[in-house]
Amino acid sequence: MRDEKYGASKDEGTGYKDYKGKKDGGMKRMSFKKKVCKWCAQKAEPDYKNPDGLRRCITERGRILPARITGNCARHQRSVTAEIKKARVIAYLPFDKQ
């Protein structure tokens, strides 16, 4: 229990009550849909010869998107990164925005 001198409430649980009387600060947890790896779902491997498939993994400026955005698993994120770099060298994909 918190000290009565500071005006704390007597019924403390796991979190403090906010002004509406709800616990955990009135914040509602956001639920989200689990992202599925596109490459695992299609049972395919990323390939530098397919720039349209790789374009979904880069931004307009040419930066490689992280796995938390694209939903790629760790294995395919590493291979997508390597294939994007190969495609840039061969000029299938741009290095940056032009």
Protein backbone atom coordinates (compact mmCIF):
# COMPACT_ATOMS: atom_id res chain seq x y z
CA MET A 1 0.00 0.00 0.00
CA ARG A 2 1.15 3.45 -0.76
CA ASP A 3 1.43 6.04 1.94
CA GLU A 4 -1.80 7.79 2.92
CA LYS A 5 0.10 11.05 3.15
CA TYR A 6 0.34 11.22 -0.65
CA GLY A 7 -3.33 10.54 -1.29
CA ALA A 8 -3.04 7.02 -2.60
CA SER A 9 -6.02 4.75 -2.82
CA LYS A 10 -6.39 1.77 -0.52
CA ASP A 11 -7.35 -0.75 -3.21
CA GLU A 12 -4.15 -1.22 -5.13
CA GLY A 13 -3.94 -4.16 -7.43
CA THR A 14 -1.57 -4.80 -10.29
CA GLY A 15 -1.76 -1.24 -11.58
CA TYR A 16 -2.90 2.17 -10.52
CA LYS A 17 -6.37 3.40 -11.28
CA ASP A 18 -6.79 6.34 -13.57
CA TYR A 19 -9.41 9.05 -13.30
CA LYS A 20 -12.14 6.82 -14.75
CA GLY A 21 -11.48 4.06 -12.27
CA LYS A 22 -9.98 1.64 -14.78
CA LYS A 23 -6.76 -0.15 -14.02
CA ASP A 24 -3.66 -0.14 -16.26
CA GLY A 25 -3.99 3.55 -17.03
CA GLY A 26 -7.06 3.22 -19.21
CA MET A 27 -4.95 2.01 -22.10
CA LYS A 28 -6.42 -0.79 -24.13
CA ARG A 29 -4.04 -3.34 -25.60
CA MET A 30 -4.07 -3.36 -29.34
CA SER A 31 -4.42 -6.79 -30.87
CA PHE A 32 -2.88 -7.37 -34.24
CA LYS A 33 -2.85 -10.09 -36.84
CA LYS A 34 0.35 -12.12 -36.99
CA LYS A 35 2.18 -11.45 -40.24
CA VAL A 36 2.99 -14.51 -42.29
CA CYS A 37 6.16 -14.89 -44.32
CA LYS A 38 5.22 -14.53 -47.99
CA TRP A 39 8.00 -16.84 -49.10
CA CYS A 40 7.11 -19.63 -46.65
CA ALA A 41 3.42 -19.42 -47.59
CA GLN A 42 4.21 -19.79 -51.32
CA LYS A 43 6.95 -22.35 -50.64
CA ALA A 44 9.27 -20.31 -52.84
CA GLU A 45 12.70 -18.77 -52.52
CA PRO A 46 13.53 -15.13 -53.32
CA ASP A 47 15.40 -14.74 -56.59
CA TYR A 48 17.31 -11.76 -57.97
CA LYS A 49 15.87 -12.48 -61.44
CA ASN A 50 12.38 -11.63 -60.14
CA PRO A 51 12.58 -7.91 -59.32
CA ASP A 52 8.80 -7.55 -58.94
CA GLY A 53 8.81 -9.92 -55.98
CA LEU A 54 11.75 -8.11 -54.42
CA ARG A 55 10.21 -4.64 -54.91
CA ARG A 56 7.70 -5.41 -52.19
CA CYS A 57 10.60 -5.60 -49.75
CA ILE A 58 12.11 -2.19 -50.51
CA THR A 59 10.83 1.35 -50.00
CA GLU A 60 10.32 4.00 -52.66
CA ARG A 61 13.73 5.39 -51.76
CA GLY A 62 15.35 1.99 -52.25
CA ARG A 63 15.88 0.98 -48.64
CA ILE A 64 15.36 -2.62 -47.59
CA LEU A 65 12.32 -2.96 -45.32
CA PRO A 66 12.80 -4.77 -41.98
CA ALA A 67 11.19 -8.13 -41.28
CA ARG A 68 8.81 -6.65 -38.70
CA ILE A 69 7.24 -4.59 -41.50
CA THR A 70 7.22 -7.19 -44.29
CA GLY A 71 6.48 -10.20 -42.09
CA ASN A 72 9.39 -12.25 -43.44
CA CYS A 73 10.89 -14.95 -41.26
CA ALA A 74 14.57 -14.58 -40.32
CA ARG A 75 15.77 -17.12 -42.89
CA HIS A 76 13.97 -15.49 -45.78
CA GLN A 77 14.81 -11.95 -44.64
CA ARG A 78 18.51 -12.79 -44.91
CA SER A 79 18.06 -14.30 -48.37
CA VAL A 80 15.86 -11.39 -49.54
CA THR A 81 18.58 -8.96 -48.46
CA ALA A 82 21.24 -10.91 -50.37
CA GLU A 83 19.05 -11.17 -53.49
CA ILE A 84 18.22 -7.45 -53.43
CA LYS A 85 21.92 -6.65 -53.30
CA LYS A 86 22.58 -8.99 -56.24
CA ALA A 87 19.73 -7.41 -58.22
CA ARG A 88 21.15 -3.93 -57.57
CA VAL A 89 24.58 -4.89 -58.90
CA ILE A 90 23.06 -6.31 -62.09
CA ALA A 91 20.78 -3.21 -62.33
CA TYR A 92 17.44 -5.01 -61.96
CA LEU A 93 16.75 -2.76 -58.97
CA PRO A 94 17.94 0.80 -58.32
CA PHE A 95 20.38 1.61 -55.53
CA ASP A 96 18.43 4.75 -54.60
CA LYS A 97 15.64 7.04 -55.71
CA GLN A 98 16.37 8.85 -58.93
